[in-house]
Structures are given as structure tokens and as C-alpha cells.
């Protein structure tokens, strides 16, 4: 079964933390940094990933908090 990713997405002039497949956001914050701080513990608990989006909605970064042995680091 695939793990549910946690997305940090723009929401008007704010930032939302939203699990994939959920209709409602888990949290809405004023800054992207605050949203990331909320998303990371959720992803760690679920052994999932945080997908961070840019203001235009495109993906800026993805960080995995699951089984690291199966994840290939493509950034470094």
C-alpha cells in the first residue's frame, strides 16, 4: 500500500498542509516555513514524504521520512 504524501501547498496568500486524498487541509499558516514545520512530523509519523510546492503550485522539493533504504537521493 502506498504511503499518503503530505503536501505543503499555496492557499491564497497563505500556505496549507494537506494529506494526499483529503479534501480539507490539516493546517493553514501564514508562511511556507511554518507549514513545513507542521508537515514534517505528520510525514514522520506516517513514514511518508513531504512534497513542498512553489507559489505557482509546481513542486519545489520532496523529502522522505519513510524507509530510507528504498529512496534514492536525486538532489545530491
N, C-alpha and C. Protein backbone atom coordinates (compact mmCIF):
# COMPACT_ATOMS: atom_id res chain seq x y z
N UNK A 1 0.83 -1.18 0.00
CA UNK A 1 0.00 0.00 0.00
C UNK A 1 0.88 1.24 0.00
N UNK A 2 0.57 2.19 -0.85
CA UNK A 2 1.35 3.42 -0.95
C UNK A 2 1.09 4.30 0.26
N UNK A 3 2.13 4.98 0.70
CA UNK A 3 2.00 5.91 1.82
C UNK A 3 1.38 7.21 1.33
N UNK A 4 0.60 7.83 2.18
CA UNK A 4 -0.04 9.10 1.85
C UNK A 4 0.97 10.22 1.99
N UNK A 5 1.20 10.95 0.92
CA UNK A 5 2.14 12.07 0.95
C UNK A 5 1.48 13.27 1.61
N UNK A 6 2.31 14.10 2.24
CA UNK A 6 1.84 15.32 2.88
C UNK A 6 2.35 16.49 2.03
N UNK A 7 1.43 17.30 1.53
CA UNK A 7 1.78 18.40 0.63
C UNK A 7 1.73 19.73 1.37
N UNK A 8 2.69 20.60 1.06
CA UNK A 8 2.68 21.99 1.50
C UNK A 8 2.36 22.79 0.25
N UNK A 9 1.15 23.36 0.23
CA UNK A 9 0.64 23.99 -0.99
C UNK A 9 0.20 25.43 -0.74
N UNK A 10 0.28 26.28 -1.79
CA UNK A 10 -0.24 27.63 -1.63
C UNK A 10 -1.75 27.61 -1.50
N UNK A 11 -2.27 28.51 -0.66
CA UNK A 11 -3.71 28.61 -0.45
C UNK A 11 -4.05 30.10 -0.34
N UNK A 12 -4.29 30.73 -1.47
CA UNK A 12 -4.47 32.18 -1.48
C UNK A 12 -3.16 32.84 -1.12
N UNK A 13 -3.17 33.68 -0.09
CA UNK A 13 -1.93 34.30 0.37
C UNK A 13 -1.35 33.57 1.58
N UNK A 14 -1.83 32.36 1.82
CA UNK A 14 -1.35 31.54 2.94
C UNK A 14 -0.81 30.21 2.40
N UNK A 15 -0.41 29.33 3.31
CA UNK A 15 0.12 28.01 2.95
C UNK A 15 -0.66 26.95 3.71
N UNK A 16 -1.00 25.87 3.01
CA UNK A 16 -1.78 24.79 3.61
C UNK A 16 -0.96 23.51 3.68
N UNK A 17 -1.22 22.72 4.71
CA UNK A 17 -0.66 21.38 4.86
C UNK A 17 -1.82 20.43 4.59
N UNK A 18 -1.65 19.59 3.58
CA UNK A 18 -2.77 18.74 3.17
C UNK A 18 -2.26 17.35 2.81
N UNK A 19 -2.87 16.33 3.42
CA UNK A 19 -2.55 14.95 3.05
C UNK A 19 -3.19 14.62 1.72
N UNK A 20 -2.46 13.87 0.90
CA UNK A 20 -2.97 13.45 -0.40
C UNK A 20 -4.30 12.73 -0.21
N UNK A 21 -5.29 13.12 -1.00
CA UNK A 21 -6.60 12.49 -0.94
C UNK A 21 -7.59 13.16 -0.01
N UNK A 22 -7.10 14.01 0.90
CA UNK A 22 -8.00 14.71 1.81
C UNK A 22 -8.59 15.94 1.13
N UNK A 23 -9.83 16.25 1.47
CA UNK A 23 -10.48 17.44 0.93
C UNK A 23 -10.04 18.68 1.71
N UNK A 24 -9.98 18.55 3.03
CA UNK A 24 -9.63 19.69 3.89
C UNK A 24 -8.16 19.65 4.27
N UNK A 25 -7.60 20.83 4.47
CA UNK A 25 -6.22 20.95 4.91
C UNK A 25 -6.10 20.57 6.39
N UNK A 26 -4.97 20.00 6.76
CA UNK A 26 -4.68 19.70 8.16
C UNK A 26 -4.39 20.99 8.92
N UNK A 27 -3.79 21.96 8.22
CA UNK A 27 -3.44 23.25 8.83
C UNK A 27 -3.28 24.29 7.74
N UNK A 28 -3.48 25.55 8.10
CA UNK A 28 -3.23 26.67 7.20
C UNK A 28 -2.38 27.68 7.97
N UNK A 29 -1.26 28.12 7.37
CA UNK A 29 -0.33 29.02 8.05
C UNK A 29 -0.05 30.25 7.19
N UNK A 30 0.58 31.24 7.81
CA UNK A 30 0.93 32.46 7.08
C UNK A 30 2.16 32.27 6.19
N UNK A 31 3.07 31.38 6.60
CA UNK A 31 4.31 31.21 5.83
C UNK A 31 4.51 29.76 5.42
N UNK A 32 5.28 29.59 4.35
CA UNK A 32 5.63 28.25 3.89
C UNK A 32 6.47 27.54 4.94
N UNK A 33 7.39 28.26 5.58
CA UNK A 33 8.25 27.66 6.59
C UNK A 33 7.44 27.08 7.75
N UNK A 34 6.42 27.81 8.19
CA UNK A 34 5.56 27.30 9.26
C UNK A 34 4.80 26.06 8.82
N UNK A 35 4.35 26.04 7.58
CA UNK A 35 3.63 24.88 7.05
C UNK A 35 4.55 23.66 6.99
N UNK A 36 5.80 23.88 6.59
CA UNK A 36 6.77 22.78 6.53
C UNK A 36 7.01 22.21 7.93
N UNK A 37 7.11 23.09 8.94
CA UNK A 37 7.32 22.64 10.32
C UNK A 37 6.17 21.76 10.81
N UNK A 38 4.98 22.01 10.32
CA UNK A 38 3.82 21.19 10.68
C UNK A 38 3.80 19.89 9.88
N UNK A 39 4.17 19.97 8.60
CA UNK A 39 4.10 18.80 7.71
C UNK A 39 5.11 17.71 8.06
N UNK A 40 6.31 18.10 8.48
CA UNK A 40 7.37 17.11 8.74
C UNK A 40 6.97 16.09 9.82
N UNK A 41 6.49 16.50 11.00
CA UNK A 41 6.10 15.49 11.99
C UNK A 41 4.97 14.57 11.52
N UNK A 42 4.06 15.11 10.72
CA UNK A 42 2.98 14.28 10.17
C UNK A 42 3.58 13.20 9.27
N UNK A 43 4.49 13.61 8.39
CA UNK A 43 5.12 12.66 7.47
C UNK A 43 5.97 11.63 8.23
N UNK A 44 6.67 12.07 9.27
CA UNK A 44 7.48 11.14 10.07
C UNK A 44 6.59 10.10 10.74
N UNK A 45 5.47 10.54 11.29
CA UNK A 45 4.54 9.61 11.95
C UNK A 45 3.98 8.60 10.96
N UNK A 46 3.70 9.04 9.75
CA UNK A 46 3.12 8.18 8.72
C UNK A 46 4.18 7.43 7.90
N UNK A 47 5.46 7.71 8.18
CA UNK A 47 6.57 7.15 7.39
C UNK A 47 6.33 7.43 5.91
N UNK A 48 6.13 8.70 5.63
CA UNK A 48 5.74 9.14 4.30
C UNK A 48 6.69 10.21 3.80
N UNK A 49 6.21 11.06 2.90
CA UNK A 49 7.02 12.13 2.31
C UNK A 49 6.30 13.47 2.44
N UNK A 50 7.11 14.53 2.49
CA UNK A 50 6.59 15.89 2.40
C UNK A 50 6.90 16.39 1.00
N UNK A 51 5.88 16.88 0.31
CA UNK A 51 6.04 17.45 -1.02
C UNK A 51 5.81 18.95 -0.88
N UNK A 52 6.86 19.73 -1.12
CA UNK A 52 6.80 21.18 -0.95
C UNK A 52 6.61 21.83 -2.32
N UNK A 53 5.57 22.64 -2.43
CA UNK A 53 5.24 23.29 -3.69
C UNK A 53 5.68 24.75 -3.68
N UNK A 54 5.90 25.29 -4.86
CA UNK A 54 6.19 26.71 -5.04
C UNK A 54 4.87 27.48 -5.04
N UNK A 55 4.93 28.83 -4.97
CA UNK A 55 3.70 29.62 -5.02
C UNK A 55 2.86 29.37 -6.28
N UNK A 56 3.51 28.97 -7.38
CA UNK A 56 2.76 28.69 -8.62
C UNK A 56 2.18 27.28 -8.65
N UNK A 57 2.41 26.49 -7.58
CA UNK A 57 1.87 25.14 -7.49
C UNK A 57 2.82 24.04 -7.95
N UNK A 58 3.89 24.40 -8.65
CA UNK A 58 4.84 23.38 -9.10
C UNK A 58 5.62 22.85 -7.89
N UNK A 59 6.20 21.66 -8.03
CA UNK A 59 6.91 21.03 -6.92
C UNK A 59 8.31 21.62 -6.80
N UNK A 60 8.64 22.07 -5.59
CA UNK A 60 9.95 22.64 -5.29
C UNK A 60 10.90 21.58 -4.74
N UNK A 61 10.36 20.69 -3.88
CA UNK A 61 11.21 19.72 -3.19
C UNK A 61 10.35 18.60 -2.63
N UNK A 62 10.97 17.45 -2.42
CA UNK A 62 10.32 16.31 -1.78
C UNK A 62 11.30 15.70 -0.79
N UNK A 63 10.85 15.49 0.43
CA UNK A 63 11.68 14.86 1.46
C UNK A 63 10.95 13.64 2.00
N UNK A 64 11.66 12.50 2.05
CA UNK A 64 11.07 11.25 2.50
C UNK A 64 11.41 11.00 3.96
N UNK A 65 10.43 10.53 4.71
CA UNK A 65 10.62 10.18 6.11
C UNK A 65 10.20 8.74 6.35
N UNK A 66 10.22 7.93 5.30
CA UNK A 66 9.85 6.53 5.40
C UNK A 66 11.08 5.65 5.43
N UNK A 67 11.02 4.55 4.73
CA UNK A 67 12.12 3.59 4.66
C UNK A 67 13.20 4.16 3.75
N UNK A 68 14.20 4.78 4.35
CA UNK A 68 15.25 5.47 3.59
C UNK A 68 16.07 4.53 2.70
N UNK A 69 16.10 3.26 3.03
CA UNK A 69 16.89 2.33 2.22
C UNK A 69 16.33 2.17 0.82
N UNK A 70 15.06 2.49 0.62
CA UNK A 70 14.44 2.32 -0.69
C UNK A 70 14.37 3.63 -1.48
N UNK A 71 14.83 4.73 -0.87
CA UNK A 71 14.73 6.04 -1.52
C UNK A 71 16.09 6.44 -2.06
N UNK A 72 16.11 6.81 -3.32
CA UNK A 72 17.35 7.27 -3.94
C UNK A 72 17.37 8.79 -3.89
N UNK A 73 18.44 9.37 -3.33
CA UNK A 73 18.58 10.81 -3.23
C UNK A 73 18.97 11.35 -4.60
N UNK A 74 18.09 12.13 -5.19
CA UNK A 74 18.37 12.68 -6.53
C UNK A 74 18.85 14.12 -6.45
N UNK A 75 18.94 14.69 -5.24
CA UNK A 75 19.36 16.08 -5.10
C UNK A 75 20.86 16.22 -4.88
N UNK A 76 21.53 15.17 -4.38
CA UNK A 76 22.95 15.29 -4.03
C UNK A 76 23.79 14.25 -4.73
